[in-house]
PDB file of all heavy atoms in Angstrom:
ATOM      1  N   ARG A   1      70.488 140.677  80.150  1.00  0.00           N
ATOM      2  CA  ARG A   1      70.468 139.224  80.285  1.00  0.00           C
ATOM      3  C   ARG A   1      69.058 138.678  80.515  1.00  0.00           C
ATOM      4  O   ARG A   1      68.749 137.569  80.086  1.00  0.00           O
ATOM      5  CB  ARG A   1      71.368 138.783  81.438  1.00  0.00           C
ATOM      6  CG  ARG A   1      72.828 139.175  81.258  1.00  0.00           C
ATOM      7  CD  ARG A   1      73.703 138.588  82.354  1.00  0.00           C
ATOM      8  NE  ARG A   1      73.328 139.063  83.683  1.00  0.00           N
ATOM      9  CZ  ARG A   1      72.861 138.286  84.655  1.00  0.00           C
ATOM     10  NH1 ARG A   1      72.725 136.977  84.447  1.00  0.00           N
ATOM     11  NH2 ARG A   1      72.546 138.796  85.834  1.00  0.00           N
ATOM     12  N   PHE A   2      68.214 139.439  81.186  1.00  0.00           N
ATOM     13  CA  PHE A   2      66.844 139.016  81.471  1.00  0.00           C
ATOM     14  C   PHE A   2      65.873 139.801  80.607  1.00  0.00           C
ATOM     15  O   PHE A   2      66.100 140.978  80.298  1.00  0.00           O
ATOM     16  CB  PHE A   2      66.485 139.253  82.938  1.00  0.00           C
ATOM     17  CG  PHE A   2      67.194 138.368  83.923  1.00  0.00           C
ATOM     18  CD1 PHE A   2      68.245 137.545  83.533  1.00  0.00           C
ATOM     19  CD2 PHE A   2      66.800 138.364  85.247  1.00  0.00           C
ATOM     20  CE1 PHE A   2      68.894 136.732  84.444  1.00  0.00           C
ATOM     21  CE2 PHE A   2      67.439 137.555  86.171  1.00  0.00           C
ATOM     22  CZ  PHE A   2      68.483 136.740  85.770  1.00  0.00           C
ATOM     23  N   THR A   3      64.768 139.156  80.241  1.00  0.00           N
ATOM     24  CA  THR A   3      63.719 139.799  79.470  1.00  0.00           C
ATOM     25  C   THR A   3      62.370 139.446  80.067  1.00  0.00           C
ATOM     26  O   THR A   3      62.038 138.263  80.201  1.00  0.00           O
ATOM     27  CB  THR A   3      63.748 139.373  77.993  1.00  0.00           C
ATOM     28  OG1 THR A   3      65.030 139.657  77.421  1.00  0.00           O
ATOM     29  CG2 THR A   3      62.684 140.136  77.207  1.00  0.00           C
ATOM     30  N   ILE A   4      61.587 140.451  80.419  1.00  0.00           N
ATOM     31  CA  ILE A   4      60.251 140.224  80.942  1.00  0.00           C
ATOM     32  C   ILE A   4      59.245 140.483  79.827  1.00  0.00           C
ATOM     33  O   ILE A   4      59.408 141.409  79.029  1.00  0.00           O
ATOM     34  CB  ILE A   4      59.967 141.117  82.173  1.00  0.00           C
ATOM     35  CG1 ILE A   4      58.634 140.729  82.826  1.00  0.00           C
ATOM     36  CG2 ILE A   4      59.991 142.595  81.808  1.00  0.00           C
ATOM     37  CD1 ILE A   4      58.397 141.410  84.174  1.00  0.00           C
ATOM     38  N   SER A   5      58.213 139.665  79.761  1.00  0.00           N
ATOM     39  CA  SER A   5      57.192 139.806  78.731  1.00  0.00           C
ATOM     40  C   SER A   5      55.840 139.375  79.277  1.00  0.00           C
ATOM     41  O   SER A   5      55.759 138.697  80.309  1.00  0.00           O
ATOM     42  CB  SER A   5      57.546 138.989  77.480  1.00  0.00           C
ATOM     43  OG  SER A   5      57.631 137.610  77.787  1.00  0.00           O
ATOM     44  N   HIS A   6      54.797 139.771  78.583  1.00  0.00           N
ATOM     45  CA  HIS A   6      53.435 139.463  79.006  1.00  0.00           C
ATOM     46  C   HIS A   6      52.640 138.916  77.842  1.00  0.00           C
ATOM     47  O   HIS A   6      52.630 139.505  76.757  1.00  0.00           O
ATOM     48  CB  HIS A   6      52.752 140.714  79.568  1.00  0.00           C
ATOM     49  CG  HIS A   6      51.348 140.483  80.027  1.00  0.00           C
ATOM     50  ND1 HIS A   6      50.266 141.131  79.466  1.00  0.00           N
ATOM     51  CD2 HIS A   6      50.844 139.688  80.997  1.00  0.00           C
ATOM     52  CE1 HIS A   6      49.162 140.737  80.072  1.00  0.00           C
ATOM     53  NE2 HIS A   6      49.488 139.865  81.007  1.00  0.00           N
ATOM     54  N   ASP A   7      51.969 137.791  78.053  1.00  0.00           N
ATOM     55  CA  ASP A   7      51.095 137.176  77.066  1.00  0.00           C
ATOM     56  C   ASP A   7      49.667 137.449  77.504  1.00  0.00           C
ATOM     57  O   ASP A   7      49.169 136.831  78.446  1.00  0.00           O
ATOM     58  CB  ASP A   7      51.357 135.676  76.964  1.00  0.00           C
ATOM     59  CG  ASP A   7      50.595 135.017  75.826  1.00  0.00           C
ATOM     60  OD1 ASP A   7      49.482 135.475  75.502  1.00  0.00           O
ATOM     61  OD2 ASP A   7      51.105 134.040  75.258  1.00  0.00           O
ATOM     62  N   ASN A   8      49.011 138.372  76.824  1.00  0.00           N
ATOM     63  CA  ASN A   8      47.655 138.744  77.208  1.00  0.00           C
ATOM     64  C   ASN A   8      46.669 137.585  77.070  1.00  0.00           C
ATOM     65  O   ASN A   8      45.759 137.435  77.886  1.00  0.00           O
ATOM     66  CB  ASN A   8      47.176 139.926  76.357  1.00  0.00           C
ATOM     67  CG  ASN A   8      47.870 141.220  76.718  1.00  0.00           C
ATOM     68  OD1 ASN A   8      48.121 141.495  77.887  1.00  0.00           O
ATOM     69  ND2 ASN A   8      48.175 142.032  75.716  1.00  0.00           N
ATOM     70  N   ALA A   9      46.839 136.775  76.038  1.00  0.00           N
ATOM     71  CA  ALA A   9      45.920 135.666  75.802  1.00  0.00           C
ATOM     72  C   ALA A   9      45.981 134.634  76.916  1.00  0.00           C
ATOM     73  O   ALA A   9      44.963 134.045  77.288  1.00  0.00           O
ATOM     74  CB  ALA A   9      46.215 135.015  74.455  1.00  0.00           C
ATOM     75  N   LYS A  10      47.165 134.399  77.454  1.00  0.00           N
ATOM     76  CA  LYS A  10      47.341 133.403  78.501  1.00  0.00           C
ATOM     77  C   LYS A  10      47.376 134.005  79.905  1.00  0.00           C
ATOM     78  O   LYS A  10      47.480 133.270  80.885  1.00  0.00           O
ATOM     79  CB  LYS A  10      48.624 132.611  78.262  1.00  0.00           C
ATOM     80  CG  LYS A  10      48.623 131.802  76.980  1.00  0.00           C
ATOM     81  CD  LYS A  10      49.908 131.008  76.840  1.00  0.00           C
ATOM     82  CE  LYS A  10      49.894 130.158  75.584  1.00  0.00           C
ATOM     83  NZ  LYS A  10      51.151 129.373  75.437  1.00  0.00           N
ATOM     84  N   ASN A  11      47.306 135.323  79.982  1.00  0.00           N
ATOM     85  CA  ASN A  11      47.389 136.013  81.273  1.00  0.00           C
ATOM     86  C   ASN A  11      48.614 135.551  82.057  1.00  0.00           C
ATOM     87  O   ASN A  11      48.535 135.261  83.259  1.00  0.00           O
ATOM     88  CB  ASN A  11      46.113 135.802  82.081  1.00  0.00           C
ATOM     89  CG  ASN A  11      44.912 136.491  81.472  1.00  0.00           C
ATOM     90  OD1 ASN A  11      45.009 137.631  81.018  1.00  0.00           O
ATOM     91  ND2 ASN A  11      43.776 135.809  81.467  1.00  0.00           N
ATOM     92  N   THR A  12      49.729 135.497  81.371  1.00  0.00           N
ATOM     93  CA  THR A  12      50.956 134.992  81.954  1.00  0.00           C
ATOM     94  C   THR A  12      52.100 135.965  81.690  1.00  0.00           C
ATOM     95  O   THR A  12      52.213 136.507  80.590  1.00  0.00           O
ATOM     96  CB  THR A  12      51.315 133.613  81.380  1.00  0.00           C
ATOM     97  OG1 THR A  12      50.256 132.688  81.679  1.00  0.00           O
ATOM     98  CG2 THR A  12      52.607 133.087  81.982  1.00  0.00           C
ATOM     99  N   VAL A  13      52.921 136.166  82.697  1.00  0.00           N
ATOM    100  CA  VAL A  13      54.126 136.980  82.579  1.00  0.00           C
ATOM    101  C   VAL A  13      55.330 136.059  82.639  1.00  0.00           C
ATOM    102  O   VAL A  13      55.392 135.160  83.479  1.00  0.00           O
ATOM    103  CB  VAL A  13      54.195 138.046  83.683  1.00  0.00           C
ATOM    104  CG1 VAL A  13      55.536 138.766  83.651  1.00  0.00           C
ATOM    105  CG2 VAL A  13      53.064 139.058  83.514  1.00  0.00           C
ATOM    106  N   TYR A  14      56.272 136.279  81.750  1.00  0.00           N
ATOM    107  CA  TYR A  14      57.458 135.439  81.661  1.00  0.00           C
ATOM    108  C   TYR A  14      58.704 136.232  82.025  1.00  0.00           C
ATOM    109  O   TYR A  14      58.758 137.449  81.870  1.00  0.00           O
ATOM    110  CB  TYR A  14      57.626 134.884  80.244  1.00  0.00           C
ATOM    111  CG  TYR A  14      56.438 134.096  79.754  1.00  0.00           C
ATOM    112  CD1 TYR A  14      55.471 134.693  78.951  1.00  0.00           C
ATOM    113  CD2 TYR A  14      56.287 132.754  80.088  1.00  0.00           C
ATOM    114  CE1 TYR A  14      54.379 133.971  78.500  1.00  0.00           C
ATOM    115  CE2 TYR A  14      55.197 132.034  79.638  1.00  0.00           C
ATOM    116  CZ  TYR A  14      54.249 132.642  78.845  1.00  0.00           C
ATOM    117  OH  TYR A  14      53.167 131.922  78.398  1.00  0.00           O
ATOM    118  N   LEU A  15      59.698 135.519  82.490  1.00  0.00           N
ATOM    119  CA  LEU A  15      61.015 136.081  82.704  1.00  0.00           C
ATOM    120  C   LEU A  15      62.024 135.161  82.039  1.00  0.00           C
ATOM    121  O   LEU A  15      62.325 134.084  82.564  1.00  0.00           O
ATOM    122  CB  LEU A  15      61.335 136.239  84.196  1.00  0.00           C
ATOM    123  CG  LEU A  15      62.654 136.947  84.499  1.00  0.00           C
ATOM    124  CD1 LEU A  15      62.592 138.406  84.054  1.00  0.00           C
ATOM    125  CD2 LEU A  15      62.996 136.861  85.985  1.00  0.00           C
ATOM    126  N   GLN A  16      62.506 135.576  80.883  1.00  0.00           N
ATOM    127  CA  GLN A  16      63.536 134.833  80.179  1.00  0.00           C
ATOM    128  C   GLN A  16      64.892 135.236  80.739  1.00  0.00           C
ATOM    129  O   GLN A  16      65.258 136.412  80.693  1.00  0.00           O
ATOM    130  CB  GLN A  16      63.476 135.114  78.676  1.00  0.00           C
ATOM    131  CG  GLN A  16      64.549 134.414  77.858  1.00  0.00           C
ATOM    132  CD  GLN A  16      64.386 132.916  77.843  1.00  0.00           C
ATOM    133  OE1 GLN A  16      63.278 132.415  77.688  1.00  0.00           O
ATOM    134  NE2 GLN A  16      65.485 132.192  78.014  1.00  0.00           N
ATOM    135  N   MET A  17      65.612 134.282  81.275  1.00  0.00           N
ATOM    136  CA  MET A  17      66.897 134.539  81.908  1.00  0.00           C
ATOM    137  C   MET A  17      67.989 133.848  81.111  1.00  0.00           C
ATOM    138  O   MET A  17      68.024 132.620  81.028  1.00  0.00           O
ATOM    139  CB  MET A  17      66.898 134.056  83.357  1.00  0.00           C
ATOM    140  CG  MET A  17      65.764 134.631  84.198  1.00  0.00           C
ATOM    141  SD  MET A  17      65.859 134.141  85.937  1.00  0.00           S
ATOM    142  CE  MET A  17      65.609 132.367  85.775  1.00  0.00           C
ATOM    143  N   ASP A  18      68.872 134.639  80.526  1.00  0.00           N
ATOM    144  CA  ASP A  18      69.975 134.131  79.731  1.00  0.00           C
ATOM    145  C   ASP A  18      71.294 134.496  80.392  1.00  0.00           C
ATOM    146  O   ASP A  18      71.376 135.429  81.186  1.00  0.00           O
ATOM    147  CB  ASP A  18      69.932 134.696  78.311  1.00  0.00           C
ATOM    148  CG  ASP A  18      68.692 134.292  77.547  1.00  0.00           C
ATOM    149  OD1 ASP A  18      68.265 133.130  77.675  1.00  0.00           O
ATOM    150  OD2 ASP A  18      68.140 135.145  76.811  1.00  0.00           O
ATOM    151  N   ASN A  19      72.341 133.760  80.024  1.00  0.00           N
ATOM    152  CA  ASN A  19      73.677 134.007  80.575  1.00  0.00           C
ATOM    153  C   ASN A  19      73.649 134.092  82.092  1.00  0.00           C
ATOM    154  O   ASN A  19      74.198 135.010  82.704  1.00  0.00           O
ATOM    155  CB  ASN A  19      74.270 135.287  79.974  1.00  0.00           C
ATOM    156  CG  ASN A  19      74.433 135.217  78.475  1.00  0.00           C
ATOM    157  OD1 ASN A  19      74.906 134.211  77.942  1.00  0.00           O
ATOM    158  ND2 ASN A  19      74.044 136.278  77.783  1.00  0.00           N
ATOM    159  N   LEU A  20      73.021 133.108  82.689  1.00  0.00           N
ATOM    160  CA  LEU A  20      72.859 133.110  84.139  1.00  0.00           C
ATOM    161  C   LEU A  20      74.195 133.037  84.855  1.00  0.00           C
ATOM    162  O   LEU A  20      75.128 132.363  84.409  1.00  0.00           O
ATOM    163  CB  LEU A  20      71.976 131.946  84.569  1.00  0.00           C
ATOM    164  CG  LEU A  20      70.479 132.155  84.322  1.00  0.00           C
ATOM    165  CD1 LEU A  20      69.731 130.838  84.372  1.00  0.00           C
ATOM    166  CD2 LEU A  20      69.916 133.129  85.350  1.00  0.00           C
ATOM    167  N   GLU A  21      74.279 133.742  85.959  1.00  0.00           N
ATOM    168  CA  GLU A  21      75.460 133.788  86.796  1.00  0.00           C
ATOM    169  C   GLU A  21      75.127 133.225  88.171  1.00  0.00           C
ATOM    170  O   GLU A  21      73.964 133.172  88.567  1.00  0.00           O
ATOM    171  CB  GLU A  21      75.975 135.222  86.913  1.00  0.00           C
ATOM    172  CG  GLU A  21      76.274 135.877  85.576  1.00  0.00           C
ATOM    173  CD  GLU A  21      76.546 137.357  85.693  1.00  0.00           C
ATOM    174  OE1 GLU A  21      76.363 137.922  86.784  1.00  0.00           O
ATOM    175  OE2 GLU A  21      76.962 137.963  84.683  1.00  0.00           O
ATOM    176  N   ARG A  22      76.150 132.807  88.895  1.00  0.00           N
ATOM    177  CA  ARG A  22      75.927 132.264  90.232  1.00  0.00           C
ATOM    178  C   ARG A  22      75.222 133.259  91.147  1.00  0.00           C
ATOM    179  O   ARG A  22      74.445 132.857  92.026  1.00  0.00           O
ATOM    180  CB  ARG A  22      77.246 131.816  90.853  1.00  0.00           C
ATOM    181  CG  ARG A  22      77.898 130.660  90.121  1.00  0.00           C
ATOM    182  CD  ARG A  22      79.206 130.264  90.766  1.00  0.00           C
ATOM    183  NE  ARG A  22      79.859 129.171  90.051  1.00  0.00           N
ATOM    184  CZ  ARG A  22      80.647 129.345  89.003  1.00  0.00           C
ATOM    185  NH1 ARG A  22      80.888 130.568  88.544  1.00  0.00           N
ATOM    186  NH2 ARG A  22      81.198 128.297  88.408  1.00  0.00           N
ATOM    187  N   GLU A  23      75.479 134.529  90.929  1.00  0.00           N
ATOM    188  CA  GLU A  23      74.847 135.566  91.729  1.00  0.00           C
ATOM    189  C   GLU A  23      73.349 135.681  91.475  1.00  0.00           C
ATOM    190  O   GLU A  23      72.642 136.348  92.234  1.00  0.00           O
ATOM    191  CB  GLU A  23      75.517 136.920  91.474  1.00  0.00           C
ATOM    192  CG  GLU A  23      76.951 137.026  91.978  1.00  0.00           C
ATOM    193  CD  GLU A  23      77.953 136.303  91.093  1.00  0.00           C
ATOM    194  OE1 GLU A  23      77.605 135.926  89.950  1.00  0.00           O
ATOM    195  OE2 GLU A  23      79.107 136.119  91.531  1.00  0.00           O
ATOM    196  N   ASP A  24      72.857 135.039  90.412  1.00  0.00           N
ATOM    197  CA  ASP A  24      71.431 135.058  90.117  1.00  0.00           C
ATOM    198  C   ASP A  24      70.653 134.044  90.945  1.00  0.00           C
ATOM    199  O   ASP A  24      69.417 134.058  90.921  1.00  0.00           O
ATOM    200  CB  ASP A  24      71.182 134.785  88.632  1.00  0.00           C
ATOM    201  CG  ASP A  24      71.752 135.869  87.738  1.00  0.00           C
ATOM    202  OD1 ASP A  24      71.647 137.061  88.095  1.00  0.00           O
ATOM    203  OD2 ASP A  24      72.299 135.520  86.666  1.00  0.00           O
ATOM    204  N   SER A  25      71.335 133.161  91.648  1.00  0.00           N
ATOM    205  CA  SER A  25      70.659 132.155  92.455  1.00  0.00           C
ATOM    206  C   SER A  25      69.789 132.833  93.509  1.00  0.00           C
ATOM    207  O   SER A  25      70.273 133.663  94.282  1.00  0.00           O
ATOM    208  CB  SER A  25      71.670 131.231  93.128  1.00  0.00           C
ATOM    209  OG  SER A  25      72.406 130.491  92.167  1.00  0.00           O
ATOM    210  N   ALA A  26      68.510 132.480  93.537  1.00  0.00           N
ATOM    211  CA  ALA A  26      67.578 133.110  94.461  1.00  0.00           C
ATOM    212  C   ALA A  26      66.218 132.451  94.341  1.00  0.00           C
ATOM    213  O   ALA A  26      65.960 131.671  93.424  1.00  0.00           O
ATOM    214  CB  ALA A  26      67.449 134.607  94.157  1.00  0.00           C
ATOM    215  N   MET A  27      65.348 132.778  95.281  1.00  0.00           N
ATOM    216  CA  MET A  27      63.944 132.453  95.158  1.00  0.00           C
ATOM    217  C   MET A  27      63.299 133.586  94.370  1.00  0.00           C
ATOM    218  O   MET A  27      63.358 134.751  94.786  1.00  0.00           O
ATOM    219  CB  MET A  27      63.292 132.303  96.523  1.00  0.00           C
ATOM    220  CG  MET A  27      61.795 132.010  96.467  1.00  0.00           C
ATOM    221  SD  MET A  27      61.427 130.370  95.804  1.00  0.00           S
ATOM    222  CE  MET A  27      61.977 129.337  97.176  1.00  0.00           C
ATOM    223  N   TYR A  28      62.698 133.254  93.244  1.00  0.00           N
ATOM    224  CA  TYR A  28      62.084 134.248  92.382  1.00  0.00           C
ATOM    225  C   TYR A  28      60.575 134.236  92.587  1.00  0.00           C
ATOM    226  O   TYR A  28      59.931 133.186  92.507  1.00  0.00           O
ATOM    227  CB  TYR A  28      62.418 133.979  90.918  1.00  0.00           C
ATOM    228  CG  TYR A  28      63.822 134.381  90.534  1.00  0.00           C
ATOM    229  CD1 TYR A  28      64.916 133.629  90.945  1.00  0.00           C
ATOM    230  CD2 TYR A  28      64.046 135.520  89.765  1.00  0.00           C
ATOM    231  CE1 TYR A  28      66.197 134.008  90.608  1.00  0.00           C
ATOM    232  CE2 TYR A  28      65.329 135.899  89.414  1.00  0.00           C
ATOM    233  CZ  TYR A  28      66.412 135.135  89.837  1.00  0.00           C
ATOM    234  OH  TYR A  28      67.689 135.516  89.493  1.00  0.00           O
ATOM    235  N   SER A  29      60.004 135.406  92.829  1.00  0.00           N
ATOM    236  CA  SER A  29      58.573 135.550  93.040  1.00  0.00           C
ATOM    237  C   SER A  29      58.024 136.628  92.121  1.00  0.00           C
ATOM    238  O   SER A  29      58.708 137.599  91.814  1.00  0.00           O
ATOM    239  CB  SER A  29      58.266 135.919  94.496  1.00  0.00           C
ATOM    240  OG  SER A  29      58.779 134.964  95.397  1.00  0.00           O
ATOM    241  N   CYS A  30      56.795 136.456  91.689  1.00  0.00           N
ATOM    242  CA  CYS A  30      56.141 137.492  90.918  1.00  0.00           C
ATOM    243  C   CYS A  30      55.101 138.190  91.777  1.00  0.00           C
ATOM    244  O   CYS A  30      54.581 137.632  92.745  1.00  0.00           O
ATOM    245  CB  CYS A  30      55.509 136.943  89.631  1.00  0.00           C
ATOM    246  SG  CYS A  30      54.183 135.738  89.872  1.00  0.00           S
ATOM    247  N   ALA A  31      54.835 139.440  91.426  1.00  0.00           N
ATOM    248  CA  ALA A  31      53.882 140.250  92.155  1.00  0.00           C
ATOM    249  C   ALA A  31      53.062 141.065  91.168  1.00  0.00           C
ATOM    250  O   ALA A  31      53.570 141.485  90.123  1.00  0.00           O
ATOM    251  CB  ALA A  31      54.600 141.176  93.140  1.00  0.00           C
ATOM    252  N   ALA A  32      51.804 141.286  91.505  1.00  0.00           N
ATOM    253  CA  ALA A  32      50.903 142.068  90.666  1.00  0.00           C
ATOM    254  C   ALA A  32      50.388 143.273  91.441  1.00  0.00           C
ATOM    255  O   ALA A  32      50.159 143.197  92.648  1.00  0.00           O
ATOM    256  CB  ALA A  32      49.736 141.217  90.180  1.00  0.00           C
ATOM    257  N   GLY A  33      50.209 144.362  90.734  1.00  0.00           N
ATOM    258  CA  GLY A  33      49.714 145.567  91.369  1.00  0.00           C
ATOM    259  C   GLY A  33      49.353 146.615  90.347  1.00  0.00           C
ATOM    260  O   GLY A  33      48.960 146.306  89.221  1.00  0.00           O
ATOM    261  N   THR A  34      49.496 147.865  90.740  1.00  0.00           N
ATOM    262  CA  THR A  34      49.147 148.991  89.878  1.00  0.00           C
ATOM    263  C   THR A  34      50.315 149.943  89.767  1.00  0.00           C
ATOM    264  O   THR A  34      51.065 150.153  90.721  1.00  0.00           O
ATOM    265  CB  THR A  34      47.913 149.735  90.421  1.00  0.00           C
ATOM    266  OG1 THR A  34      48.159 150.153  91.772  1.00  0.00           O
ATOM    267  CG2 THR A  34      46.688 148.842  90.401  1.00  0.00           C
ATOM    268  N   ALA A  35      50.453 150.526  88.603  1.00  0.00           N
ATOM    269  CA  ALA A  35      51.562 151.428  88.334  1.00  0.00           C
ATOM    270  C   ALA A  35      51.296 152.815  88.903  1.00  0.00           C
ATOM    271  O   ALA A  35      50.199 153.357  88.765  1.00  0.00           O
ATOM    272  CB  ALA A  35      51.815 151.513  86.836  1.00  0.00           C
ATOM    273  N   THR A  36      52.311 153.373  89.530  1.00  0.00           N
ATOM    274  CA  THR A  36      52.262 154.754  89.986  1.00  0.00           C
ATOM    275  C   THR A  36      53.055 155.673  89.075  1.00  0.00           C
ATOM    276  O   THR A  36      52.825 156.882  89.063  1.00  0.00           O
ATOM    277  CB  THR A  36      52.803 154.874  91.418  1.00  0.00           C
ATOM    278  OG1 THR A  36      54.167 154.414  91.458  1.00  0.00           O
ATOM    279  CG2 THR A  36      51.974 154.025  92.374  1.00  0.00           C
ATOM    280  N   THR A  37      53.985 155.103  88.336  1.00  0.00           N
ATOM    281  CA  THR A  37      54.801 155.825  87.376  1.00  0.00           C
ATOM    282  C   THR A  37      54.912 154.988  86.116  1.00  0.00           C
ATOM    283  O   THR A  37      55.100 153.771  86.190  1.00  0.00           O
ATOM    284  CB  THR A  37      56.201 156.119  87.932  1.00  0.00           C
ATOM    285  OG1 THR A  37      56.094 156.878  89.132  1.00  0.00           O
ATOM    286  CG2 THR A  37      57.022 156.913  86.925  1.00  0.00           C
ATOM    287  N   VAL A  38      54.796 155.628  84.971  1.00  0.00           N
ATOM    288  CA  VAL A  38      54.843 154.920  83.690  1.00  0.00           C
ATOM    289  C   VAL A  38      56.146 155.198  82.943  1.00  0.00           C
ATOM    290  O   VAL A  38      56.733 154.294  82.351  1.00  0.00           O
ATOM    291  CB  VAL A  38      53.634 155.305  82.816  1.00  0.00           C
ATOM    292  CG1 VAL A  38      53.734 154.634  81.445  1.00  0.00           C
ATOM    293  CG2 VAL A  38      52.337 154.914  83.507  1.00  0.00           C
ATOM    294  N   TYR A  39      56.598 156.433  82.952  1.00  0.00           N
ATOM    295  CA  TYR A  39      57.800 156.822  82.236  1.00  0.00           C
ATOM    296  C   TYR A  39      58.880 157.250  83.203  1.00  0.00           C
ATOM    297  O   TYR A  39      58.584 157.950  84.183  1.00  0.00           O
ATOM    298  CB  TYR A  39      57.488 157.962  81.255  1.00  0.00           C
ATOM    299  CG  TYR A  39      58.672 158.395  80.434  1.00  0.00           C
ATOM    300  CD1 TYR A  39      58.999 157.733  79.261  1.00  0.00           C
ATOM    301  CD2 TYR A  39      59.475 159.457  80.847  1.00  0.00           C
ATOM    302  CE1 TYR A  39      60.094 158.116  78.509  1.00  0.00           C
ATOM    303  CE2 TYR A  39      60.575 159.838  80.097  1.00  0.00           C
ATOM    304  CZ  TYR A  39      60.881 159.165  78.929  1.00  0.00           C
ATOM    305  OH  TYR A  39      61.967 159.541  78.188  1.00  0.00           O
ATOM    306  N   PRO A  40      60.142 156.834  82.956  1.00  0.00           N
ATOM    307  CA  PRO A  40      60.656 156.089  81.814  1.00  0.00           C
ATOM    308  C   PRO A  40      60.367 154.595  81.847  1.00  0.00           C
ATOM    309  O   PRO A  40      60.490 153.924  80.830  1.00  0.00           O
ATOM    310  CB  PRO A  40      62.159 156.355  81.879  1.00  0.00           C
ATOM    311  CG  PRO A  40      62.427 156.518  83.336  1.00  0.00           C
ATOM    312  CD  PRO A  40      61.232 157.250  83.878  1.00  0.00           C
ATOM    313  N   GLY A  41      59.960 154.087  82.995  1.00  0.00           N
ATOM    314  CA  GLY A  41      59.592 152.696  83.143  1.00  0.00           C
ATOM    315  C   GLY A  41      58.607 152.560  84.283  1.00  0.00           C
ATOM    316  O   GLY A  41      58.488 153.460  85.111  1.00  0.00           O
ATOM    317  N   PRO A  42      57.899 151.449  84.338  1.00  0.00           N
ATOM    318  CA  PRO A  42      56.853 151.300  85.352  1.00  0.00           C
ATOM    319  C   PRO A  42      57.409 151.128  86.762  1.00  0.00           C
ATOM    320  O   PRO A  42      58.292 150.301  87.005  1.00  0.00           O
ATOM    321  CB  PRO A  42      56.104 150.045  84.895  1.00  0.00           C
ATOM    322  CG  PRO A  42      57.117 149.266  84.112  1.00  0.00           C
ATOM    323  CD  PRO A  42      57.977 150.288  83.429  1.00  0.00           C
ATOM    324  N   ILE A  43      56.889 151.918  87.658  1.00  0.00           N
ATOM    325  CA  ILE A  43      57.122 151.780  89.089  1.00  0.00           C
ATOM    326  C   ILE A  43      55.760 151.535  89.716  1.00  0.00           C
ATOM    327  O   ILE A  43      54.831 152.307  89.493  1.00  0.00           O
ATOM    328  CB  ILE A  43      57.801 153.022  89.676  1.00  0.00           C
ATOM    329  CG1 ILE A  43      59.155 153.260  89.003  1.00  0.00           C
ATOM    330  CG2 ILE A  43      57.966 152.884  91.185  1.00  0.00           C
ATOM    331  CD1 ILE A  43      59.847 154.526  89.452  1.00  0.00           C
TER     332      ILE A  43
END
């Protein structure tokens, strides 16, 4: 339902949220850091 993406030119990260549910209600915050694990996904 959600898709995260990064626009290098704009230095912006997006979160496309589709088919939203009531349980999705929240304060959403973004955070930046460094990866400790790359595969199978970034941690």
